[in-house]
Amino acid sequence: MTEDERQFLMTAAWMFMRHGQRSRALVVCEALVEEEPRDGISAIALAELLLGDGDAARALEVIHVADVPPNLAHAAAVLETRALQALGRKRDAAARWNRYLEARKGAGRAWLAS
């Protein structure tokens, strides 16, 4: 699949979401991740949809496989934290968010206790 085709499909998924057709957006994102599991952009979109459907375990799996680009590090941290929290792993969720803050702002500025 070419980059233009991937971009077209991501745009289609976004349009489906925007117009209340989550199931169609989910199918498109699942296809994109199945085709290229390491694509961080598609993985972030799929993880968001999976979390919305209550499938935190699968969302976490998708995030862990993907190579998330630096400009989506915040989204990945939020999604991973939400997934861990939904799975009842509160300490892991707090630690994940703290790692993100430390990476972004430095250890002295992270505001969550580990």
Protein backbone atom coordinates (compact mmCIF):
# COMPACT_ATOMS: atom_id res chain seq x y z
CA MET A 1 0.00 0.00 0.00
CA THR A 2 1.37 3.40 -0.91
CA GLU A 3 1.61 6.32 1.48
CA ASP A 4 -1.11 8.15 -0.48
CA GLU A 5 -3.43 5.17 -0.10
CA ARG A 6 -2.74 5.01 3.64
CA GLN A 7 -3.42 8.74 3.97
CA PHE A 8 -6.68 8.36 2.03
CA LEU A 9 -7.84 5.54 4.28
CA MET A 10 -6.92 7.44 7.45
CA THR A 11 -8.90 10.40 6.14
CA ALA A 12 -11.84 8.09 5.43
CA ALA A 13 -11.64 6.69 8.97
CA TRP A 14 -11.60 10.22 10.38
CA MET A 15 -14.65 11.13 8.28
CA PHE A 16 -16.49 8.03 9.46
CA MET A 17 -15.75 8.98 13.08
CA ARG A 18 -16.78 12.57 12.52
CA HIS A 19 -20.12 11.42 11.17
CA GLY A 20 -20.86 8.92 13.92
CA GLN A 21 -19.87 5.75 12.07
CA ARG A 22 -17.40 4.31 14.59
CA SER A 23 -17.77 0.74 13.35
CA ARG A 24 -16.68 1.74 9.85
CA ALA A 25 -13.76 3.75 11.21
CA LEU A 26 -12.76 0.75 13.31
CA VAL A 27 -12.75 -1.55 10.28
CA VAL A 28 -10.57 0.85 8.29
CA CYS A 29 -8.10 1.33 11.14
CA GLU A 30 -7.94 -2.40 11.82
CA ALA A 31 -7.13 -2.99 8.15
CA LEU A 32 -4.39 -0.37 8.21
CA VAL A 33 -2.80 -1.83 11.35
CA GLU A 34 -3.12 -5.37 10.01
CA GLU A 35 -1.31 -4.27 6.84
CA GLU A 36 1.42 -2.45 8.78
CA PRO A 37 1.36 -3.13 12.54
CA ARG A 38 4.26 -0.75 13.23
CA ASP A 39 2.52 2.29 11.71
CA GLY A 40 2.17 4.53 14.75
CA ILE A 41 -0.42 6.85 13.26
CA SER A 42 -2.84 4.05 12.39
CA ALA A 43 -2.12 2.35 15.71
CA ILE A 44 -2.96 5.48 17.70
CA ALA A 45 -6.25 5.86 15.81
CA LEU A 46 -7.11 2.19 16.33
CA ALA A 47 -6.19 2.30 20.02
CA GLU A 48 -8.50 5.27 20.54
CA LEU A 49 -11.37 3.42 18.88
CA LEU A 50 -10.68 0.24 20.85
CA LEU A 51 -10.62 2.14 24.13
CA GLY A 52 -13.92 3.73 23.21
CA ASP A 53 -15.34 0.25 22.70
CA GLY A 54 -13.96 -0.98 26.04
CA ASP A 55 -11.21 -3.18 24.62
CA ALA A 56 -8.33 -1.83 26.69
CA ALA A 57 -6.20 -4.98 26.43
CA ARG A 58 -6.19 -4.92 22.67
CA ALA A 59 -5.57 -1.14 22.62
CA LEU A 60 -2.52 -1.64 24.81
CA GLU A 61 -1.25 -4.41 22.53
CA VAL A 62 -1.63 -2.22 19.43
CA ILE A 63 0.25 0.66 21.07
CA HIS A 64 3.11 -1.59 22.21
CA VAL A 65 3.69 -3.01 18.73
CA ALA A 66 3.67 0.34 16.93
CA ASP A 67 6.50 2.75 16.27
CA VAL A 68 4.83 5.94 17.46
CA PRO A 69 6.32 9.09 15.91
CA PRO A 70 7.63 11.71 18.35
CA ASN A 71 4.84 14.15 17.49
CA LEU A 72 2.32 11.59 18.79
CA ALA A 73 4.18 10.72 21.99
CA HIS A 74 1.62 12.60 24.07
CA ALA A 75 -1.29 10.75 22.44
CA ALA A 76 0.44 7.41 22.98
CA ALA A 77 1.11 8.24 26.65
CA VAL A 78 -2.50 9.26 27.23
CA LEU A 79 -3.89 6.19 25.46
CA GLU A 80 -1.53 3.79 27.20
CA THR A 81 -2.31 5.38 30.57
CA ARG A 82 -6.05 5.10 29.91
CA ALA A 83 -5.72 1.47 28.82
CA LEU A 84 -3.71 0.53 31.90
CA GLN A 85 -6.21 2.32 34.12
CA ALA A 86 -9.12 0.53 32.44
CA LEU A 87 -7.38 -2.78 33.08
CA GLY A 88 -7.13 -1.93 36.79
CA ARG A 89 -3.37 -1.45 36.66
CA LYS A 90 -3.34 1.88 38.49
CA ARG A 91 0.31 1.82 39.53
CA ASP A 92 1.40 0.98 35.99
CA ALA A 93 -0.81 3.76 34.65
CA ALA A 94 0.68 6.33 37.04
CA ALA A 95 4.21 5.13 36.27
CA ARG A 96 3.58 5.36 32.51
CA TRP A 97 2.30 8.90 32.77
CA ASN A 98 5.19 9.85 35.04
CA ARG A 99 7.70 8.46 32.50
CA TYR A 100 6.10 10.60 29.82
CA LEU A 101 6.29 13.72 31.99
CA GLU A 102 9.90 13.02 32.93
CA ALA A 103 10.83 12.55 29.27
CA ARG A 104 9.07 15.76 28.33
CA LYS A 105 9.78 18.07 31.25
CA GLY A 106 12.59 16.45 33.23
CA ALA A 107 12.51 14.37 36.38
CA GLY A 108 12.24 17.38 38.67
CA ARG A 109 9.09 18.65 36.98
CA ALA A 110 7.07 15.43 36.87
CA TRP A 111 4.14 15.92 39.21
CA LEU A 112 2.96 12.35 39.81
CA ALA A 113 4.51 10.25 42.54
CA SER A 114 5.71 6.89 41.32
